[in-house]
Amino acid sequence: IGISLLVIAPLTILHLQSRVGETLHQQRTSRDDKIALMETAFASTNRIARDWGQWDDAYRFALGTNPGYVHNNLETGALFDAGAIMVMLRTDGTPLLVYAAPAFRLKSYKALVSCAQQNRGPFPTLRSTLRIACQADNGSLYLGTATPVSDNTATAPSAGIVVMFDPLLRREYKQAIRQDRKSTRLNSSHSSVSRMPSTA
């Protein structure tokens, strides 16, 4: 019996170590997948926010001189067909515009607008962006990018802030986002501002 224990005990320890190693590897892989998903979503919202934020049409709308902006630019494009939401705020933080495609409209945008208002900068330059993660009133999670509203050359004084939100549709990632939501307020002009790495 003593000899058997001497043989079995090390084998049992090796088996347990192997199982623990496999579990840790799976956890690291899962975490890496979640971060990769978030980085992909942020890269998309970052590009879109800059395209729409530093644009003469949006700038004139924010100044009140382009009343056809929503009909001519938002209602006719395919950008919102996958559930994206645009929130535009005046420089004082009051809402100017909330837009989503009819098929994806929410009953309330209060939580998303409030989240956008809490993430209005500061922006070191007119081309700077800020990454945010917000929860809508219905519990859905959205990743977004905020940027100042300026003209095509990003030289006109900011007329407000535009935030482009994309829904986080994959349920298996929601818990990870919820855990990190308070620390995902990232300024893309810095390499690391919180626990979530920024690649921008």
N, C-alpha and C. Protein backbone atom coordinates (compact mmCIF):
# COMPACT_ATOMS: atom_id res chain seq x y z
N ILE A 1 0.83 -1.20 0.00
CA ILE A 1 0.00 0.00 0.00
C ILE A 1 0.86 1.24 0.00
N GLY A 2 1.92 1.23 0.79
CA GLY A 2 2.82 2.38 0.85
C GLY A 2 3.47 2.67 -0.48
N ILE A 3 3.87 1.61 -1.17
CA ILE A 3 4.48 1.78 -2.49
C ILE A 3 3.47 2.32 -3.48
N SER A 4 2.23 1.81 -3.40
CA SER A 4 1.17 2.27 -4.30
C SER A 4 0.91 3.76 -4.12
N LEU A 5 0.86 4.22 -2.86
CA LEU A 5 0.65 5.64 -2.59
C LEU A 5 1.79 6.47 -3.12
N LEU A 6 3.00 5.96 -3.00
CA LEU A 6 4.17 6.69 -3.51
C LEU A 6 4.10 6.85 -5.02
N VAL A 7 3.49 5.90 -5.70
CA VAL A 7 3.36 5.98 -7.16
C VAL A 7 2.16 6.82 -7.55
N ILE A 8 1.03 6.62 -6.88
CA ILE A 8 -0.23 7.28 -7.23
C ILE A 8 -0.21 8.77 -6.90
N ALA A 9 0.35 9.12 -5.74
CA ALA A 9 0.32 10.53 -5.31
C ALA A 9 0.97 11.47 -6.33
N PRO A 10 2.19 11.20 -6.80
CA PRO A 10 2.79 12.10 -7.80
C PRO A 10 1.98 12.16 -9.10
N LEU A 11 1.40 11.00 -9.49
CA LEU A 11 0.59 10.99 -10.71
C LEU A 11 -0.66 11.85 -10.55
N THR A 12 -1.26 11.76 -9.36
CA THR A 12 -2.45 12.57 -9.09
C THR A 12 -2.11 14.06 -9.12
N ILE A 13 -0.99 14.42 -8.51
CA ILE A 13 -0.54 15.82 -8.50
C ILE A 13 -0.28 16.31 -9.92
N LEU A 14 0.39 15.48 -10.73
CA LEU A 14 0.66 15.86 -12.12
C LEU A 14 -0.64 16.04 -12.90
N HIS A 15 -1.62 15.17 -12.65
CA HIS A 15 -2.91 15.28 -13.33
C HIS A 15 -3.62 16.58 -12.93
N LEU A 16 -3.61 16.88 -11.63
CA LEU A 16 -4.25 18.11 -11.15
C LEU A 16 -3.57 19.35 -11.72
N GLN A 17 -2.24 19.32 -11.75
CA GLN A 17 -1.50 20.45 -12.32
C GLN A 17 -1.85 20.64 -13.80
N SER A 18 -1.98 19.52 -14.50
CA SER A 18 -2.34 19.59 -15.92
C SER A 18 -3.74 20.19 -16.10
N ARG A 19 -4.70 19.76 -15.25
CA ARG A 19 -6.06 20.29 -15.34
C ARG A 19 -6.10 21.78 -15.02
N VAL A 20 -5.35 22.18 -13.99
CA VAL A 20 -5.30 23.60 -13.63
C VAL A 20 -4.69 24.41 -14.77
N GLY A 21 -3.64 23.88 -15.38
CA GLY A 21 -3.01 24.56 -16.51
C GLY A 21 -3.97 24.72 -17.68
N GLU A 22 -4.75 23.64 -17.97
CA GLU A 22 -5.73 23.72 -19.05
C GLU A 22 -6.80 24.77 -18.75
N THR A 23 -7.27 24.80 -17.49
CA THR A 23 -8.30 25.77 -17.10
C THR A 23 -7.78 27.20 -17.24
N LEU A 24 -6.56 27.44 -16.77
CA LEU A 24 -5.97 28.79 -16.89
C LEU A 24 -5.80 29.19 -18.34
N HIS A 25 -5.39 28.23 -19.17
CA HIS A 25 -5.23 28.52 -20.60
C HIS A 25 -6.57 28.88 -21.23
N GLN A 26 -7.62 28.12 -20.88
CA GLN A 26 -8.95 28.41 -21.42
C GLN A 26 -9.44 29.78 -20.96
N GLN A 27 -9.17 30.14 -19.71
CA GLN A 27 -9.58 31.44 -19.20
C GLN A 27 -8.85 32.56 -19.92
N ARG A 28 -7.53 32.37 -20.14
CA ARG A 28 -6.75 33.39 -20.87
C ARG A 28 -7.25 33.54 -22.30
N THR A 29 -7.55 32.40 -22.94
CA THR A 29 -8.05 32.43 -24.31
C THR A 29 -9.39 33.14 -24.38
N SER A 30 -10.28 32.82 -23.43
CA SER A 30 -11.59 33.47 -23.39
C SER A 30 -11.45 34.97 -23.18
N ARG A 31 -10.56 35.37 -22.26
CA ARG A 31 -10.33 36.80 -22.00
C ARG A 31 -9.77 37.48 -23.24
N ASP A 32 -8.81 36.82 -23.92
CA ASP A 32 -8.23 37.39 -25.14
C ASP A 32 -9.28 37.56 -26.22
N ASP A 33 -10.21 36.58 -26.33
CA ASP A 33 -11.29 36.67 -27.32
C ASP A 33 -12.19 37.86 -27.01
N LYS A 34 -12.50 38.06 -25.73
CA LYS A 34 -13.37 39.17 -25.34
C LYS A 34 -12.70 40.50 -25.64
N ILE A 35 -11.42 40.61 -25.33
CA ILE A 35 -10.70 41.85 -25.61
C ILE A 35 -10.63 42.10 -27.11
N ALA A 36 -10.39 41.03 -27.88
CA ALA A 36 -10.33 41.17 -29.34
C ALA A 36 -11.66 41.66 -29.89
N LEU A 37 -12.78 41.12 -29.36
CA LEU A 37 -14.10 41.57 -29.80
C LEU A 37 -14.29 43.04 -29.49
N MET A 38 -13.92 43.44 -28.27
CA MET A 38 -14.09 44.84 -27.87
C MET A 38 -13.22 45.76 -28.72
N GLU A 39 -11.99 45.34 -28.99
CA GLU A 39 -11.10 46.15 -29.80
C GLU A 39 -11.64 46.32 -31.22
N THR A 40 -12.23 45.25 -31.76
CA THR A 40 -12.82 45.32 -33.10
C THR A 40 -13.99 46.30 -33.10
N ALA A 41 -14.85 46.19 -32.08
CA ALA A 41 -16.00 47.10 -31.99
C ALA A 41 -15.55 48.54 -31.82
N PHE A 42 -14.56 48.75 -30.95
CA PHE A 42 -14.06 50.11 -30.73
C PHE A 42 -13.41 50.68 -31.99
N ALA A 43 -12.69 49.84 -32.73
CA ALA A 43 -12.07 50.31 -33.97
C ALA A 43 -13.13 50.80 -34.95
N SER A 44 -14.25 50.07 -35.00
CA SER A 44 -15.34 50.45 -35.89
C SER A 44 -15.98 51.76 -35.44
N THR A 45 -16.34 51.86 -34.15
CA THR A 45 -17.00 53.09 -33.69
C THR A 45 -16.05 54.28 -33.74
N ASN A 46 -14.76 54.03 -33.55
CA ASN A 46 -13.77 55.12 -33.62
C ASN A 46 -13.73 55.72 -35.02
N ARG A 47 -13.67 54.84 -36.03
CA ARG A 47 -13.62 55.30 -37.42
C ARG A 47 -14.89 56.06 -37.79
N ILE A 48 -16.04 55.49 -37.41
CA ILE A 48 -17.32 56.11 -37.76
C ILE A 48 -17.50 57.45 -37.04
N ALA A 49 -17.15 57.49 -35.76
CA ALA A 49 -17.30 58.73 -35.00
C ALA A 49 -16.46 59.85 -35.62
N ARG A 50 -15.25 59.54 -36.02
CA ARG A 50 -14.39 60.56 -36.64
C ARG A 50 -14.96 61.00 -37.98
N ASP A 51 -15.44 60.02 -38.77
CA ASP A 51 -16.01 60.37 -40.08
C ASP A 51 -17.20 61.31 -39.93
N TRP A 52 -18.06 61.03 -38.96
CA TRP A 52 -19.27 61.81 -38.79
C TRP A 52 -19.06 63.03 -37.90
N GLY A 53 -18.09 62.99 -37.03
CA GLY A 53 -17.86 64.11 -36.12
C GLY A 53 -17.10 65.26 -36.76
N GLN A 54 -16.10 64.93 -37.56
CA GLN A 54 -15.35 65.98 -38.26
C GLN A 54 -15.83 66.06 -39.71
N TRP A 55 -16.98 66.69 -39.87
CA TRP A 55 -17.64 66.75 -41.17
C TRP A 55 -18.46 68.04 -41.23
N ASP A 56 -18.34 68.75 -42.33
CA ASP A 56 -19.02 70.03 -42.48
C ASP A 56 -20.53 69.93 -42.24
N ASP A 57 -21.17 68.87 -42.78
CA ASP A 57 -22.62 68.72 -42.63
C ASP A 57 -23.02 68.60 -41.16
N ALA A 58 -22.29 67.77 -40.42
CA ALA A 58 -22.59 67.60 -38.99
C ALA A 58 -22.30 68.88 -38.22
N TYR A 59 -21.23 69.55 -38.60
CA TYR A 59 -20.85 70.80 -37.91
C TYR A 59 -21.93 71.86 -38.10
N ARG A 60 -22.42 72.00 -39.34
CA ARG A 60 -23.47 72.98 -39.60
C ARG A 60 -24.77 72.61 -38.89
N PHE A 61 -25.05 71.30 -38.79
CA PHE A 61 -26.24 70.86 -38.06
C PHE A 61 -26.12 71.23 -36.57
N ALA A 62 -24.96 70.99 -36.00
CA ALA A 62 -24.75 71.32 -34.59
C ALA A 62 -24.88 72.82 -34.33
N LEU A 63 -24.54 73.62 -35.36
CA LEU A 63 -24.66 75.07 -35.24
C LEU A 63 -26.07 75.56 -35.54
N GLY A 64 -26.93 74.65 -36.02
CA GLY A 64 -28.31 75.02 -36.31
C GLY A 64 -28.54 75.54 -37.71
N THR A 65 -27.58 75.29 -38.62
CA THR A 65 -27.71 75.83 -39.98
C THR A 65 -27.87 74.73 -41.04
N ASN A 66 -28.17 73.51 -40.63
CA ASN A 66 -28.35 72.42 -41.59
C ASN A 66 -29.56 71.58 -41.17
N PRO A 67 -30.76 72.11 -41.34
CA PRO A 67 -31.96 71.41 -40.86
C PRO A 67 -32.24 70.09 -41.58
N GLY A 68 -31.70 69.89 -42.77
CA GLY A 68 -31.94 68.66 -43.51
C GLY A 68 -30.97 67.54 -43.19
N TYR A 69 -30.11 67.73 -42.21
CA TYR A 69 -29.04 66.77 -41.89
C TYR A 69 -29.58 65.36 -41.62
N VAL A 70 -30.58 65.24 -40.79
CA VAL A 70 -31.10 63.91 -40.42
C VAL A 70 -31.68 63.21 -41.64
N HIS A 71 -32.54 63.90 -42.38
CA HIS A 71 -33.18 63.29 -43.54
C HIS A 71 -32.16 62.98 -44.64
N ASN A 72 -31.29 63.91 -44.93
CA ASN A 72 -30.36 63.75 -46.06
C ASN A 72 -29.20 62.80 -45.77
N ASN A 73 -28.82 62.67 -44.51
CA ASN A 73 -27.62 61.89 -44.20
C ASN A 73 -27.87 60.65 -43.35
N LEU A 74 -28.74 60.73 -42.38
CA LEU A 74 -28.94 59.61 -41.47
C LEU A 74 -30.01 58.64 -41.96
N GLU A 75 -31.13 59.17 -42.43
CA GLU A 75 -32.24 58.31 -42.83
C GLU A 75 -31.99 57.57 -44.13
N THR A 76 -31.08 58.06 -44.93
CA THR A 76 -30.86 57.47 -46.25
C THR A 76 -29.67 56.53 -46.31
N GLY A 77 -28.87 56.45 -45.24
CA GLY A 77 -27.68 55.61 -45.26
C GLY A 77 -27.91 54.26 -44.62
N ALA A 78 -26.94 53.35 -44.83
CA ALA A 78 -27.04 51.99 -44.27
C ALA A 78 -26.29 51.84 -42.96
N LEU A 79 -25.67 52.92 -42.50
CA LEU A 79 -24.83 52.86 -41.30
C LEU A 79 -25.58 52.31 -40.09
N PHE A 80 -26.86 52.64 -39.96
CA PHE A 80 -27.62 52.29 -38.76
C PHE A 80 -28.40 50.98 -38.90
N ASP A 81 -28.22 50.29 -40.02
CA ASP A 81 -28.98 49.07 -40.29
C ASP A 81 -28.62 47.90 -39.38
N ALA A 82 -27.48 47.98 -38.69
CA ALA A 82 -27.07 46.89 -37.79
C ALA A 82 -27.29 47.24 -36.32
N GLY A 83 -27.96 48.36 -36.06
CA GLY A 83 -28.29 48.70 -34.68
C GLY A 83 -27.48 49.82 -34.07
N ALA A 84 -26.66 50.50 -34.87
CA ALA A 84 -25.87 51.61 -34.34
C ALA A 84 -26.78 52.76 -33.89
N ILE A 85 -26.31 53.52 -32.92
CA ILE A 85 -27.04 54.68 -32.41
C ILE A 85 -26.10 55.87 -32.36
N MET A 86 -26.58 57.01 -32.84
CA MET A 86 -25.80 58.24 -32.76
C MET A 86 -26.42 59.15 -31.70
N VAL A 87 -25.57 59.65 -30.84
CA VAL A 87 -25.98 60.67 -29.87
C VAL A 87 -25.11 61.90 -30.11
N MET A 88 -25.75 63.04 -30.31
CA MET A 88 -25.00 64.29 -30.47
C MET A 88 -25.40 65.24 -29.34
N LEU A 89 -24.41 65.78 -28.69
CA LEU A 89 -24.62 66.71 -27.59
C LEU A 89 -24.10 68.09 -27.94
N ARG A 90 -24.76 69.11 -27.42
CA ARG A 90 -24.23 70.47 -27.55
C ARG A 90 -23.01 70.60 -26.64
N THR A 91 -22.29 71.69 -26.78
CA THR A 91 -21.08 71.88 -25.97
C THR A 91 -21.38 71.91 -24.48
N ASP A 92 -22.60 72.29 -24.10
CA ASP A 92 -22.95 72.31 -22.68
C ASP A 92 -23.49 70.97 -22.19
N GLY A 93 -23.52 69.97 -23.09
CA GLY A 93 -23.94 68.63 -22.70
C GLY A 93 -25.40 68.32 -22.93
N THR A 94 -26.20 69.29 -23.32
CA THR A 94 -27.62 69.02 -23.56
C THR A 94 -27.77 68.24 -24.88
N PRO A 95 -28.71 67.30 -24.93
CA PRO A 95 -28.88 66.48 -26.14
C PRO A 95 -29.36 67.32 -27.33
N LEU A 96 -28.75 67.09 -28.46
CA LEU A 96 -29.14 67.74 -29.70
C LEU A 96 -29.81 66.74 -30.64
N LEU A 97 -29.34 65.48 -30.59
CA LEU A 97 -29.85 64.47 -31.51
C LEU A 97 -29.60 63.08 -30.93
N VAL A 98 -30.60 62.22 -31.04
CA VAL A 98 -30.43 60.78 -30.81
C VAL A 98 -31.06 60.10 -32.01
N TYR A 99 -30.28 59.26 -32.71
CA TYR A 99 -30.82 58.64 -33.92
C TYR A 99 -30.48 57.15 -33.95
N ALA A 100 -31.49 56.37 -34.33
CA ALA A 100 -31.33 54.94 -34.59
C ALA A 100 -32.29 54.57 -35.70
N ALA A 101 -31.96 53.53 -36.45
CA ALA A 101 -32.85 53.07 -37.51
C ALA A 101 -34.17 52.60 -36.89
N PRO A 102 -35.29 52.75 -37.59
CA PRO A 102 -36.60 52.38 -37.03
C PRO A 102 -36.65 50.98 -36.44
N ALA A 103 -35.99 50.01 -37.07
CA ALA A 103 -36.04 48.63 -36.59
C ALA A 103 -35.29 48.43 -35.28
N PHE A 104 -34.43 49.38 -34.92
CA PHE A 104 -33.60 49.23 -33.73
C PHE A 104 -33.87 50.30 -32.68
N ARG A 105 -34.94 51.03 -32.83
CA ARG A 105 -35.21 52.11 -31.87
C ARG A 105 -35.57 51.54 -30.51
N LEU A 106 -35.06 52.18 -29.47
CA LEU A 106 -35.32 51.78 -28.10
C LEU A 106 -36.49 52.58 -27.54
N LYS A 107 -37.13 52.06 -26.51
CA LYS A 107 -38.22 52.81 -25.87
C LYS A 107 -37.69 54.04 -25.15
N SER A 108 -36.45 53.94 -24.65
CA SER A 108 -35.85 55.06 -23.93
C SER A 108 -34.35 55.11 -24.22
N TYR A 109 -33.85 56.32 -24.38
CA TYR A 109 -32.41 56.52 -24.59
C TYR A 109 -31.78 57.25 -23.40
N LYS A 110 -32.53 57.36 -22.32
CA LYS A 110 -32.08 58.15 -21.17
C LYS A 110 -30.71 57.69 -20.66
N ALA A 111 -30.53 56.37 -20.50
CA ALA A 111 -29.27 55.85 -19.96
C ALA A 111 -28.09 56.10 -20.91
N LEU A 112 -28.31 55.90 -22.21
CA LEU A 112 -27.23 56.12 -23.18
C LEU A 112 -26.86 57.60 -23.25
N VAL A 113 -27.86 58.47 -23.23
CA VAL A 113 -27.59 59.91 -23.27
C VAL A 113 -26.83 60.32 -22.01
N SER A 114 -27.26 59.81 -20.87
CA SER A 114 -26.59 60.13 -19.61
C SER A 114 -25.14 59.65 -19.63
N CYS A 115 -24.92 58.47 -20.16
CA CYS A 115 -23.55 57.94 -20.27
C CYS A 115 -22.71 58.81 -21.19
N ALA A 116 -23.29 59.23 -22.31
CA ALA A 116 -22.58 60.12 -23.23
C ALA A 116 -22.24 61.44 -22.54
N GLN A 117 -23.18 61.96 -21.77
CA GLN A 117 -22.95 63.23 -21.07
C GLN A 117 -21.82 63.12 -20.05
N GLN A 118 -21.69 61.96 -19.45
CA GLN A 118 -20.64 61.76 -18.45
C GLN A 118 -19.27 61.54 -19.09
N ASN A 119 -19.26 61.35 -20.38
CA ASN A 119 -17.99 61.08 -21.09
C ASN A 119 -17.76 62.10 -22.20
N ARG A 120 -17.84 63.38 -21.84
CA ARG A 120 -17.71 64.46 -22.83
C ARG A 120 -16.28 64.97 -22.94
N GLY A 121 -15.34 64.27 -22.47
CA GLY A 121 -13.95 64.72 -22.56
C GLY A 121 -13.29 64.70 -21.20
N PRO A 122 -12.15 65.38 -21.11
CA PRO A 122 -11.63 66.36 -22.07
C PRO A 122 -11.01 65.69 -23.30
N PHE A 123 -11.00 66.44 -24.39
CA PHE A 123 -10.39 66.01 -25.63
C PHE A 123 -9.18 66.88 -25.90
N PRO A 124 -7.98 66.31 -25.91
CA PRO A 124 -6.78 67.11 -26.14
C PRO A 124 -6.77 67.85 -27.48
N THR A 125 -7.36 67.21 -28.51
CA THR A 125 -7.45 67.84 -29.83
C THR A 125 -8.84 67.58 -30.39
N LEU A 126 -9.17 68.25 -31.49
CA LEU A 126 -10.46 68.06 -32.12
C LEU A 126 -10.57 66.72 -32.83
N ARG A 127 -9.47 66.02 -33.00
CA ARG A 127 -9.48 64.69 -33.61
C ARG A 127 -9.38 63.58 -32.56
N SER A 128 -9.31 63.94 -31.29
CA SER A 128 -9.22 62.94 -30.23
C SER A 128 -10.53 62.18 -30.09
N THR A 129 -10.44 60.97 -29.59
CA THR A 129 -11.62 60.16 -29.34
C THR A 129 -11.57 59.60 -27.92
N LEU A 130 -12.73 59.19 -27.45
CA LEU A 130 -12.85 58.62 -26.11
C LEU A 130 -13.69 57.36 -26.22
N ARG A 131 -13.18 56.25 -25.74
CA ARG A 131 -13.91 54.98 -25.77
C ARG A 131 -14.79 54.87 -24.52
N ILE A 132 -16.02 54.43 -24.73
CA ILE A 132 -16.91 54.26 -23.59
C ILE A 132 -17.74 52.99 -23.76
N ALA A 133 -18.19 52.44 -22.65
CA ALA A 133 -19.12 51.30 -22.64
C ALA A 133 -20.30 51.70 -21.79
N CYS A 134 -21.50 51.55 -22.33
CA CYS A 134 -22.70 52.02 -21.64
C CYS A 134 -23.80 50.96 -21.68
N GLN A 135 -24.65 50.99 -20.67
CA GLN A 135 -25.80 50.10 -20.62
C GLN A 135 -27.06 50.91 -20.87
N ALA A 136 -27.87 50.43 -21.82
CA ALA A 136 -29.13 51.12 -22.14
C ALA A 136 -30.17 50.80 -21.07
N ASP A 137 -31.28 51.53 -21.12
CA ASP A 137 -32.35 51.32 -20.15
C ASP A 137 -32.89 49.90 -20.16
N ASN A 138 -32.82 49.23 -21.31
CA ASN A 138 -33.35 47.86 -21.40
C ASN A 138 -32.33 46.81 -21.01
N GLY A 139 -31.14 47.24 -20.55
CA GLY A 139 -30.10 46.31 -20.13
C GLY A 139 -29.10 45.96 -21.20
N SER A 140 -29.36 46.33 -22.45
CA SER A 140 -28.42 46.04 -23.54
C SER A 140 -27.14 46.84 -23.35
N LEU A 141 -26.04 46.22 -23.74
CA LEU A 141 -24.74 46.88 -23.61
C LEU A 141 -24.29 47.43 -24.96
N TYR A 142 -23.70 48.63 -24.91
CA TYR A 142 -23.23 49.29 -26.12
C TYR A 142 -21.79 49.75 -25.90
N LEU A 143 -20.96 49.56 -26.93
CA LEU A 143 -19.63 50.14 -26.95
C LEU A 143 -19.70 51.36 -27.83
N GLY A 144 -18.99 52.41 -27.44
CA GLY A 144 -19.08 53.64 -28.21
C GLY A 144 -17.80 54.42 -28.24
N THR A 145 -17.76 55.39 -29.15
CA THR A 145 -16.65 56.32 -29.26
C THR A 145 -17.21 57.73 -29.35
N ALA A 146 -16.66 58.61 -28.52
CA ALA A 146 -17.05 60.02 -28.52
C ALA A 146 -15.94 60.85 -29.13
N THR A 147 -16.32 61.91 -29.85
CA THR A 147 -15.33 62.81 -30.44
C THR A 147 -15.98 64.19 -30.63
N PRO A 148 -15.19 65.25 -30.64
CA PRO A 148 -15.76 66.58 -30.87
C PRO A 148 -16.37 66.71 -32.27
N VAL A 149 -17.37 67.57 -32.39
CA VAL A 149 -17.96 67.90 -33.68
C VAL A 149 -17.23 69.13 -34.22
N SER A 150 -16.65 68.97 -35.41
CA SER A 150 -15.92 70.07 -36.04
C SER A 150 -16.12 69.97 -37.55
N ASP A 151 -15.39 70.79 -38.30
CA ASP A 151 -15.53 70.76 -39.76
C ASP A 151 -14.62 69.69 -40.37
N ASN A 152 -14.62 69.62 -41.71
CA ASN A 152 -13.85 68.58 -42.41
C ASN A 152 -12.37 68.58 -42.04
N THR A 153 -11.83 69.73 -41.76
CA THR A 153 -10.39 69.83 -41.47
C THR A 153 -10.11 69.77 -39.97
N ALA A 154 -11.14 69.65 -39.17
CA ALA A 154 -11.01 69.61 -37.70
C ALA A 154 -10.24 70.82 -37.19
N THR A 155 -10.58 71.99 -37.75
CA THR A 155 -9.95 73.23 -37.29
C THR A 155 -10.95 74.21 -36.70
N ALA A 156 -12.24 74.03 -37.02
CA ALA A 156 -13.27 74.91 -36.47
C ALA A 156 -13.49 74.56 -35.00
N PRO A 157 -13.80 75.55 -34.17
CA PRO A 157 -14.04 75.27 -32.74
C PRO A 157 -15.15 74.23 -32.57
N SER A 158 -15.01 73.39 -31.58
CA SER A 158 -15.99 72.33 -31.35
C SER A 158 -17.40 72.90 -31.18
N ALA A 159 -18.36 72.27 -31.88
CA ALA A 159 -19.76 72.68 -31.78
C ALA A 159 -20.55 71.68 -30.94
N GLY A 160 -19.86 70.70 -30.37
CA GLY A 160 -20.53 69.69 -29.57
C GLY A 160 -19.73 68.40 -29.56
N ILE A 161 -20.42 67.33 -29.19
CA ILE A 161 -19.80 66.01 -29.13
C ILE A 161 -20.73 65.03 -29.85
N VAL A 162 -20.13 64.15 -30.66
CA VAL A 162 -20.91 63.07 -31.25
C VAL A 162 -20.40 61.75 -30.68
N VAL A 163 -21.34 60.86 -30.33
CA VAL A 163 -21.00 59.53 -29.83
C VAL A 163 -21.66 58.51 -30.73
N MET A 164 -20.87 57.60 -31.26
CA MET A 164 -21.40 56.50 -32.06
C MET A 164 -21.38 55.24 -31.21
N PHE A 165 -22.55 54.65 -31.02
CA PHE A 165 -22.69 53.43 -30.23
C PHE A 165 -22.97 52.24 -31.13
N ASP A 166 -22.39 51.10 -30.81
CA ASP A 166 -22.71 49.83 -31.46
C ASP A 166 -23.16 48.85 -30.39
N PRO A 167 -24.22 48.08 -30.64
CA PRO A 167 -24.68 47.12 -29.63
C PRO A 167 -23.71 45.96 -29.50
N LEU A 168 -23.52 45.51 -28.27
CA LEU A 168 -22.73 44.32 -28.03
C LEU A 168 -23.70 43.15 -28.06
N LEU A 169 -23.77 42.45 -29.18
CA LEU A 169 -24.83 41.48 -29.40
C LEU A 169 -24.53 40.11 -28.81
N ARG A 170 -23.25 39.77 -28.65
CA ARG A 170 -22.93 38.42 -28.21
C ARG A 170 -23.07 38.30 -26.70
N ARG A 171 -24.04 37.52 -26.25
CA ARG A 171 -24.38 37.43 -24.83
C ARG A 171 -23.21 36.95 -23.98
N GLU A 172 -22.37 36.05 -24.53
CA GLU A 172 -21.30 35.48 -23.72
C GLU A 172 -20.26 36.51 -23.29
N TYR A 173 -20.27 37.67 -23.95
CA TYR A 173 -19.30 38.69 -23.59
C TYR A 173 -19.87 39.76 -22.66
N LYS A 174 -21.16 39.71 -22.41
CA LYS A 174 -21.79 40.79 -21.64
C LYS A 174 -21.24 40.88 -20.23
N GLN A 175 -21.02 39.74 -19.58
CA GLN A 175 -20.54 39.77 -18.21
C GLN A 175 -19.17 40.42 -18.12
N ALA A 176 -18.30 40.11 -19.08
CA ALA A 176 -16.96 40.71 -19.07
C ALA A 176 -17.03 42.22 -19.23
N ILE A 177 -17.94 42.69 -20.09
CA ILE A 177 -18.08 44.12 -20.28
C ILE A 177 -18.63 44.77 -19.02
N ARG A 178 -19.61 44.12 -18.41
CA ARG A 178 -20.19 44.67 -17.18
C ARG A 178 -19.12 44.84 -16.11
N GLN A 179 -18.23 43.85 -16.00
CA GLN A 179 -17.18 43.92 -14.98
C GLN A 179 -16.21 45.06 -15.26
N ASP A 180 -15.96 45.32 -16.53
CA ASP A 180 -14.97 46.33 -16.87
C ASP A 180 -15.58 47.68 -17.24
N ARG A 181 -16.94 47.77 -17.22
CA ARG A 181 -17.60 48.97 -17.75
C ARG A 181 -17.14 50.24 -17.07
N LYS A 182 -16.91 50.18 -15.76
CA LYS A 182 -16.51 51.38 -15.04
C LYS A 182 -15.09 51.82 -15.38
N SER A 183 -14.33 50.91 -15.96
CA SER A 183 -12.94 51.26 -16.25
C SER A 183 -12.66 51.32 -17.74
N THR A 184 -13.70 51.40 -18.58
CA THR A 184 -13.47 51.41 -20.02
C THR A 184 -13.51 52.81 -20.60
N ARG A 185 -13.43 53.82 -19.76
CA ARG A 185 -13.42 55.20 -20.25
C ARG A 185 -12.00 55.49 -20.72
N LEU A 186 -11.76 55.25 -22.01
CA LEU A 186 -10.40 55.30 -22.54
C LEU A 186 -10.23 56.44 -23.53
N ASN A 187 -9.17 57.18 -23.37
CA ASN A 187 -8.84 58.22 -24.34
C ASN A 187 -7.89 57.62 -25.35
N SER A 188 -8.28 57.59 -26.61
CA SER A 188 -7.47 56.91 -27.61
C SER A 188 -6.16 57.62 -27.90
N SER A 189 -5.97 58.82 -27.36
CA SER A 189 -4.69 59.49 -27.57
C SER A 189 -3.65 59.00 -26.57
N HIS A 190 -4.03 58.10 -25.67
CA HIS A 190 -3.11 57.52 -24.72
C HIS A 190 -3.04 56.02 -24.95
N SER A 191 -1.92 55.43 -24.64
CA SER A 191 -1.76 54.00 -24.90
C SER A 191 -2.47 53.16 -23.86
N SER A 192 -2.59 53.64 -22.64
CA SER A 192 -3.27 52.88 -21.59
C SER A 192 -3.80 53.83 -20.53
N VAL A 193 -5.09 53.85 -20.35
CA VAL A 193 -5.69 54.76 -19.38
C VAL A 193 -6.43 53.97 -18.31
N SER A 194 -6.73 52.72 -18.57
CA SER A 194 -7.40 51.90 -17.57
C SER A 194 -7.01 50.44 -17.78
N ARG A 195 -7.77 49.54 -17.19
CA ARG A 195 -7.41 48.14 -17.26
C ARG A 195 -7.53 47.56 -18.65
N MET A 196 -8.37 48.14 -19.49
CA MET A 196 -8.50 47.64 -20.85
C MET A 196 -7.48 48.31 -21.75
N PRO A 197 -6.64 47.53 -22.45
CA PRO A 197 -5.62 48.15 -23.29
C PRO A 197 -6.22 48.86 -24.48
N SER A 198 -5.60 49.96 -24.89
CA SER A 198 -6.01 50.69 -26.08
C SER A 198 -4.95 50.51 -27.14
N THR A 199 -5.39 50.22 -28.37
CA THR A 199 -4.43 50.04 -29.45
C THR A 199 -4.42 51.22 -30.39
N ALA A 200 -5.31 52.18 -30.15
CA ALA A 200 -5.40 53.33 -31.06
C ALA A 200 -4.27 54.30 -30.81
